[in-house]
Protein backbone atom coordinates (compact mmCIF):
# COMPACT_ATOMS: atom_id res chain seq x y z
CA MET A 1 45.93 -8.25 31.99
CA ALA A 2 43.35 -5.61 33.01
CA GLU A 3 44.22 -6.21 36.67
CA GLU A 4 47.91 -5.74 35.84
CA VAL A 5 47.18 -2.40 34.18
CA LEU A 6 45.16 -1.22 37.17
CA ILE A 7 48.02 -2.15 39.52
CA ARG A 8 50.45 -0.28 37.34
CA LYS A 9 48.33 2.82 37.23
CA ARG A 10 47.57 2.93 40.96
CA ARG A 11 49.34 5.85 42.60
CA THR A 12 51.69 4.80 45.41
CA VAL A 13 53.48 8.10 45.77
CA GLU A 14 52.60 11.74 45.19
CA ASN A 15 54.46 12.85 42.12
CA HIS A 16 56.13 16.23 41.82
CA ILE A 17 56.31 17.67 38.33
CA LEU A 18 59.08 20.10 37.43
CA ALA A 19 59.07 21.77 34.03
CA ILE A 20 62.29 23.21 32.62
CA GLY A 21 61.78 25.88 29.94
CA GLY A 22 62.55 29.44 29.01
CA GLY A 23 61.70 30.17 25.41
CA LYS A 24 65.11 30.11 23.71
CA GLY A 25 67.05 27.16 22.45
CA GLY A 26 70.72 26.64 23.27
CA THR A 27 70.58 27.73 26.89
CA GLY A 28 71.31 24.29 28.32
CA LYS A 29 67.86 23.18 29.35
CA SER A 30 68.44 19.55 28.40
CA LEU A 31 71.79 19.27 30.14
CA ILE A 32 70.38 20.84 33.29
CA THR A 33 67.30 18.57 33.18
CA VAL A 34 69.43 15.44 32.95
CA SER A 35 71.85 16.65 35.61
CA MET A 36 69.03 17.47 38.03
CA GLY A 37 67.44 14.11 37.32
CA ILE A 38 70.69 12.31 38.15
CA CYS A 39 71.08 14.36 41.38
CA LEU A 40 67.53 13.45 42.51
CA ALA A 41 67.95 9.80 41.53
CA ASN A 42 71.21 9.56 43.46
CA ARG A 43 69.28 10.64 46.59
CA GLY A 44 67.14 7.50 46.26
CA ASN A 45 64.16 9.06 44.48
CA GLU A 46 62.36 7.39 41.58
CA VAL A 47 62.79 9.94 38.76
CA LEU A 48 61.35 10.11 35.27
CA LEU A 49 62.70 12.46 32.57
CA ILE A 50 60.27 13.43 29.77
CA ASP A 51 61.59 14.88 26.53
CA ALA A 52 58.81 17.29 25.50
CA ASP A 53 60.92 18.98 22.89
CA LEU A 54 58.62 17.62 20.22
CA GLY A 55 60.22 17.16 16.82
CA THR A 56 63.82 17.73 17.96
CA ALA A 57 64.16 15.33 20.87
CA ASN A 58 67.73 14.83 22.11
CA LEU A 59 67.52 14.21 25.85
CA HIS A 60 68.80 10.65 25.29
CA THR A 61 72.03 12.03 23.90
CA PHE A 62 72.89 13.72 27.26
CA LEU A 63 72.43 10.31 28.87
CA GLY A 64 74.77 8.55 26.47
CA LEU A 65 71.95 6.59 24.86
CA GLU A 66 71.26 5.80 21.22
CA PRO A 67 67.91 7.18 19.89
CA PRO A 68 65.25 5.04 21.60
CA ARG A 69 63.00 2.87 19.49
CA THR A 70 59.91 4.02 21.31
CA GLY A 71 58.83 7.49 22.43
CA LEU A 72 56.03 10.00 22.58
CA SER A 73 55.44 9.56 18.83
CA ASP A 74 54.33 5.96 19.38
CA PHE A 75 51.97 7.08 22.14
CA LEU A 76 50.54 9.87 20.03
CA THR A 77 49.90 7.62 17.07
CA LYS A 78 48.54 4.93 19.42
CA LYS A 79 51.11 2.37 18.40
CA LYS A 80 51.56 2.17 22.16
CA THR A 81 48.32 2.53 24.07
CA GLY A 82 49.76 3.04 27.55
CA ILE A 83 52.29 5.71 28.45
CA ASP A 84 54.01 3.19 30.77
CA SER A 85 55.01 1.17 27.67
CA ILE A 86 57.24 3.95 26.27
CA ILE A 87 59.27 4.40 29.45
CA ILE A 88 62.85 3.17 29.07
CA LYS A 89 65.79 2.55 31.38
CA THR A 90 68.75 4.93 31.28
CA GLY A 91 71.38 2.75 32.85
CA ILE A 92 71.38 4.99 35.94
CA ASN A 93 69.74 3.70 39.14
CA ASN A 94 66.27 5.16 39.83
CA LEU A 95 66.30 7.21 36.58
CA LYS A 96 64.06 6.51 33.60
CA LEU A 97 63.18 8.30 30.36
CA ILE A 98 60.32 9.01 27.99
CA SER A 99 61.93 10.04 24.75
CA GLY A 100 60.41 12.76 22.56
CA ALA A 101 58.45 12.29 19.37
CA GLN A 102 60.68 11.73 16.37
CA ASP A 103 60.34 11.31 12.57
CA ILE A 104 56.81 12.59 12.32
CA ILE A 105 56.36 15.81 10.32
CA GLY A 106 54.37 18.42 12.22
CA ILE A 107 54.43 16.54 15.48
CA ALA A 108 55.29 19.73 17.40
CA ASN A 109 51.81 21.02 16.50
CA LEU A 110 49.78 18.78 18.75
CA SER A 111 46.03 18.65 18.35
CA TYR A 112 43.87 19.51 21.33
CA GLY A 113 43.04 15.82 21.85
CA GLN A 114 46.65 14.76 21.73
CA LYS A 115 47.70 17.42 24.20
CA VAL A 116 44.94 16.48 26.66
CA ARG A 117 45.90 12.80 26.39
CA ILE A 118 49.58 13.41 27.11
CA LEU A 119 49.08 15.91 29.92
CA GLY A 120 46.49 13.74 31.62
CA ASN A 121 48.70 10.66 31.46
CA ILE A 122 51.76 12.52 32.72
CA LYS A 123 49.91 13.63 35.86
CA LYS A 124 49.01 10.02 36.64
CA LEU A 125 52.55 8.65 36.43
CA ASP A 126 53.84 6.97 39.59
CA TYR A 127 57.20 8.66 40.11
CA ARG A 128 58.47 10.80 42.96
CA TYR A 129 59.84 13.40 40.54
CA ILE A 130 58.94 13.98 36.91
CA LEU A 131 61.14 16.45 35.02
CA ILE A 132 59.84 17.76 31.76
CA ASP A 133 62.32 19.22 29.24
CA LEU A 134 60.54 21.70 27.07
CA GLY A 135 61.40 22.95 23.57
CA PRO A 136 62.03 26.55 22.61
CA GLY A 137 59.27 29.04 21.80
CA THR A 138 56.03 30.22 23.34
CA SER A 139 53.45 28.03 21.59
CA PHE A 140 50.33 27.07 23.55
CA ASN A 141 51.55 23.45 23.69
CA ILE A 142 54.81 24.42 25.38
CA LEU A 143 53.12 26.80 27.79
CA ASP A 144 50.53 24.19 28.72
CA PHE A 145 53.26 21.60 29.47
CA PHE A 146 54.88 24.22 31.70
CA LEU A 147 51.59 24.97 33.46
CA ILE A 148 50.87 21.38 34.56
CA SER A 149 54.03 21.48 36.70
CA HIS A 150 54.10 22.06 40.43
CA CYS A 151 57.32 24.09 39.95
CA GLY A 152 58.41 25.79 36.76
CA ILE A 153 62.12 26.43 36.23
CA LEU A 154 63.23 29.10 33.68
CA ILE A 155 66.70 28.63 32.14
CA THR A 156 68.47 31.62 30.60
CA SER A 157 72.02 32.53 29.58
CA PRO A 158 73.62 35.96 30.00
CA GLU A 159 73.17 36.88 26.32
CA PRO A 160 70.65 39.73 25.68
CA THR A 161 68.64 37.62 23.24
CA SER A 162 68.26 34.83 25.83
CA ILE A 163 67.22 37.31 28.56
CA GLU A 164 64.66 38.91 26.17
CA ASN A 165 63.22 35.49 25.29
CA THR A 166 62.91 34.57 28.96
CA TYR A 167 60.88 37.71 29.67
CA ARG A 168 58.76 37.03 26.57
CA PHE A 169 58.18 33.45 27.70
CA THR A 170 57.19 34.58 31.21
CA ARG A 171 54.77 37.17 29.87
CA SER A 172 53.18 34.63 27.47
CA LEU A 173 53.00 32.08 30.27
CA LEU A 174 51.11 34.41 32.60
CA PHE A 175 48.68 35.54 29.94
CA ARG A 176 48.07 31.87 29.00
CA TYR A 177 47.53 31.01 32.68
CA LEU A 178 45.04 33.81 33.17
CA ARG A 179 43.26 32.88 29.96
CA LYS A 180 42.73 29.38 31.40
CA ILE A 181 41.56 30.14 34.92
CA ILE A 182 39.19 33.04 34.24
CA SER A 183 35.67 31.92 33.41
CA GLN A 184 34.17 35.31 32.38
CA LYS A 185 33.96 35.43 28.57
CA VAL A 186 34.26 39.19 28.46
CA VAL A 187 37.50 39.16 30.45
CA ARG A 188 38.94 36.24 28.45
CA SER A 189 38.14 38.13 25.26
CA LEU A 190 40.02 41.12 26.68
CA ILE A 191 43.08 38.91 27.30
CA ASP A 192 42.91 37.53 23.77
CA LYS A 193 42.78 41.04 22.28
CA GLY A 194 45.60 42.18 24.49
CA VAL A 195 47.91 39.27 23.65
CA MET A 196 47.19 39.53 19.97
CA GLN A 197 47.27 43.35 20.07
CA ARG A 198 43.93 43.70 18.32
CA GLY A 199 41.11 46.10 18.90
CA GLY A 200 43.35 48.90 20.32
CA HIS A 201 44.58 46.82 23.31
CA LYS A 202 48.26 46.24 24.05
CA PHE A 203 49.37 45.10 27.51
CA HIS A 204 53.04 45.65 28.17
CA SER A 205 52.74 44.12 31.60
CA VAL A 206 50.39 42.04 33.73
CA PHE A 207 49.64 45.19 35.74
CA ASP A 208 48.22 46.81 32.59
CA LEU A 209 45.96 43.75 32.15
CA LEU A 210 44.80 43.76 35.74
CA GLU A 211 43.94 47.45 35.50
CA ALA A 212 41.83 46.77 32.43
CA ILE A 213 40.16 43.77 34.08
CA GLU A 214 39.32 45.77 37.23
CA LYS A 215 37.36 48.21 35.12
CA ILE A 216 35.11 45.34 34.01
CA GLU A 217 35.15 43.19 37.16
CA PRO A 218 36.41 45.29 40.13
CA GLU A 219 36.70 42.33 42.53
CA LEU A 220 38.41 40.01 40.03
CA GLY A 221 41.67 41.98 39.95
CA ASP A 222 42.55 41.24 43.58
CA THR A 223 41.62 37.53 43.14
CA ILE A 224 43.92 37.18 40.12
CA ALA A 225 46.78 39.02 41.87
CA ARG A 226 46.58 36.55 44.77
CA TYR A 227 46.79 33.56 42.47
CA LEU A 228 49.67 35.01 40.50
CA SER A 229 51.57 35.54 43.75
CA SER A 230 51.17 31.84 44.58
CA LEU A 231 52.94 30.61 41.41
CA ASP A 232 56.17 28.76 41.99
CA ILE A 233 58.51 29.91 39.25
CA LYS A 234 62.28 29.78 39.60
CA LEU A 235 65.21 30.97 37.54
CA ILE A 236 68.67 29.62 36.72
CA VAL A 237 71.30 31.52 34.74
CA ASN A 238 73.47 29.11 32.80
CA GLN A 239 76.89 29.57 31.12
CA THR A 240 78.05 32.46 33.28
CA ARG A 241 81.62 33.66 32.87
CA THR A 242 82.01 37.03 34.57
CA THR A 243 80.93 38.88 37.74
CA ARG A 244 78.52 40.83 35.59
CA ASP A 245 76.99 37.62 34.27
CA ARG A 246 76.49 36.29 37.77
CA ALA A 247 74.59 39.42 38.80
CA ILE A 248 71.96 39.04 36.04
CA GLY A 249 69.75 36.50 37.87
CA GLN A 250 68.93 38.71 40.79
CA LYS A 251 68.22 41.70 38.49
CA MET A 252 65.85 39.54 36.39
CA ALA A 253 64.01 38.34 39.48
CA MET A 254 63.51 41.93 40.63
CA ALA A 255 62.36 43.00 37.17
CA ALA A 256 59.84 40.13 37.09
CA ARG A 257 58.27 41.28 40.31
CA LYS A 258 58.14 44.88 38.99
CA TYR A 259 56.66 44.16 35.59
CA PHE A 260 54.76 40.89 36.12
CA GLY A 261 53.79 41.13 39.77
CA ILE A 262 55.02 37.65 40.54
CA PRO A 263 57.85 36.40 42.75
CA ILE A 264 60.54 34.59 40.78
CA ASP A 265 62.98 32.66 42.92
CA PHE A 266 66.56 32.99 41.63
CA LEU A 267 68.21 29.62 42.31
CA GLY A 268 71.69 30.40 41.22
CA ASN A 269 74.27 30.44 38.42
CA ILE A 270 75.89 27.60 36.46
CA SER A 271 79.38 28.44 35.20
CA TYR A 272 80.42 28.05 31.60
CA ASP A 273 82.43 24.89 31.22
CA SER A 274 84.25 23.89 28.08
CA ASN A 275 84.23 20.26 29.26
CA VAL A 276 80.49 20.12 28.55
CA ARG A 277 81.17 19.94 24.80
CA LYS A 278 83.74 17.14 25.39
CA GLY A 279 81.14 15.15 27.24
CA LEU A 280 78.55 15.64 24.49
CA LEU A 281 81.04 14.25 21.95
CA GLN A 282 81.55 11.26 24.21
CA LYS A 283 77.77 10.90 24.70
CA LYS A 284 78.03 10.90 28.46
CA PRO A 285 76.16 12.90 31.10
CA LEU A 286 78.14 15.63 32.89
CA MET A 287 78.63 13.72 36.15
CA ALA A 288 79.86 10.63 34.31
CA TYR A 289 82.88 12.21 32.65
CA PHE A 290 83.50 15.24 34.86
CA PRO A 291 81.84 14.69 38.27
CA HIS A 292 83.98 17.26 40.04
CA SER A 293 83.35 20.02 37.56
CA LYS A 294 82.24 23.36 38.94
CA ALA A 295 79.14 23.29 36.71
CA PHE A 296 77.93 19.99 38.11
CA GLN A 297 78.66 21.05 41.67
CA GLU A 298 76.54 24.18 41.10
CA ILE A 299 73.70 22.09 39.67
CA THR A 300 73.90 19.81 42.72
CA GLU A 301 73.70 22.84 45.06
CA ILE A 302 70.71 24.21 43.07
CA CYS A 303 68.98 20.85 43.29
CA GLN A 304 69.45 20.79 47.09
CA ARG A 305 68.20 24.35 47.32
CA ILE A 306 65.01 23.80 45.38
CA LEU A 307 63.66 20.70 47.09
CA PRO A 308 62.89 21.72 50.70
CA ARG A 309 60.72 24.70 49.70
CA TYR A 310 59.27 22.91 46.70
CA GLN A 311 58.05 20.01 48.88
CA LEU A 312 55.82 22.44 50.76
CA GLY A 313 53.41 21.98 47.85
CA LEU A 314 53.57 25.43 46.32
CA GLY A 315 53.00 25.75 42.61
CA PHE A 316 50.48 25.61 39.82
CA SER A 317 48.19 23.02 41.40
CA ALA A 318 44.62 24.00 40.51
CA ASP A 319 43.26 21.77 43.27
CA GLN A 320 44.28 24.37 45.82
CA ARG A 321 42.44 27.18 44.01
CA SER A 322 38.67 27.25 44.69
CA SER A 323 36.69 30.19 43.50
CA ASN A 324 33.56 30.78 41.47
CA GLN A 325 35.70 32.82 39.11
CA ILE A 326 38.41 30.21 38.68
CA SER A 327 38.20 27.05 36.56
CA GLY A 328 41.46 25.15 36.20
CA ASP A 329 42.58 22.40 33.77
CA GLN A 330 40.84 24.02 30.75
CA TRP A 331 43.28 22.83 28.15
CA ARG A 332 41.93 24.77 25.23
CA GLY A 333 44.33 25.29 22.37
């Protein structure tokens, strides 16, 4: 039995983790996650979907599945000791699923130990592509799931509230990232005060933070700026209807560079499609009931657009960042 577990855990391929988030619910993250997973699986890749929307898991619904009997809740409560044992088939070739935690009050508030256990096990999974569907909000748990990815994909819709939440998510993500990689206590304390707006500090942008850091550690500002520029963050605007809607993505990418100092790659728009609701009522994925829809064609094009550059290995990988001032994988809640 022990030998079997070792064989199962042995890495045969390099996995690529993509996190899909954005801060606001209702933007279509789950539908896009499933659709991208199907696109990748259809190209012959072994793909695993992970429903990390803890407490309100519904990724199975977009696959036309009944609520699975096992999921992250069983792994968290140690009813299932191995994460492999909660992986289920979806009925689609090359595509499997880890369902989210269900029916446990407060499960969205993971303890430090639970978070470390899940994140560590996800990184060891033996799949070509692992797509993580995140819940709404900017809690540390959600941000840390996003930060283990090689490529983070932000999903927004054209509504002002969604755009605002995407900016807020990005800002929180960058501050969380900096809080993790900087070892100097005095600088980390500065970040904490800035995020919480205590002690007279309030950073409206990452540039404000870098300016404050440079006053304490002059050489650290340039180091941080270089690491921020290496992040692989992408953007998709969903449910677009008008020409004005379709122009939002490029504007958001430009604003991100201006206010956050990071390049955000705008991947494209996905058109509003009333047939999506029909498919949800039928409990079928988009391609199963409407494979020639404009929305699915746009998702397919986005999927093809993301892979070549993504496979160059850009992203959040801490292994590529060696510096006396940088210490990655510090999953402190």
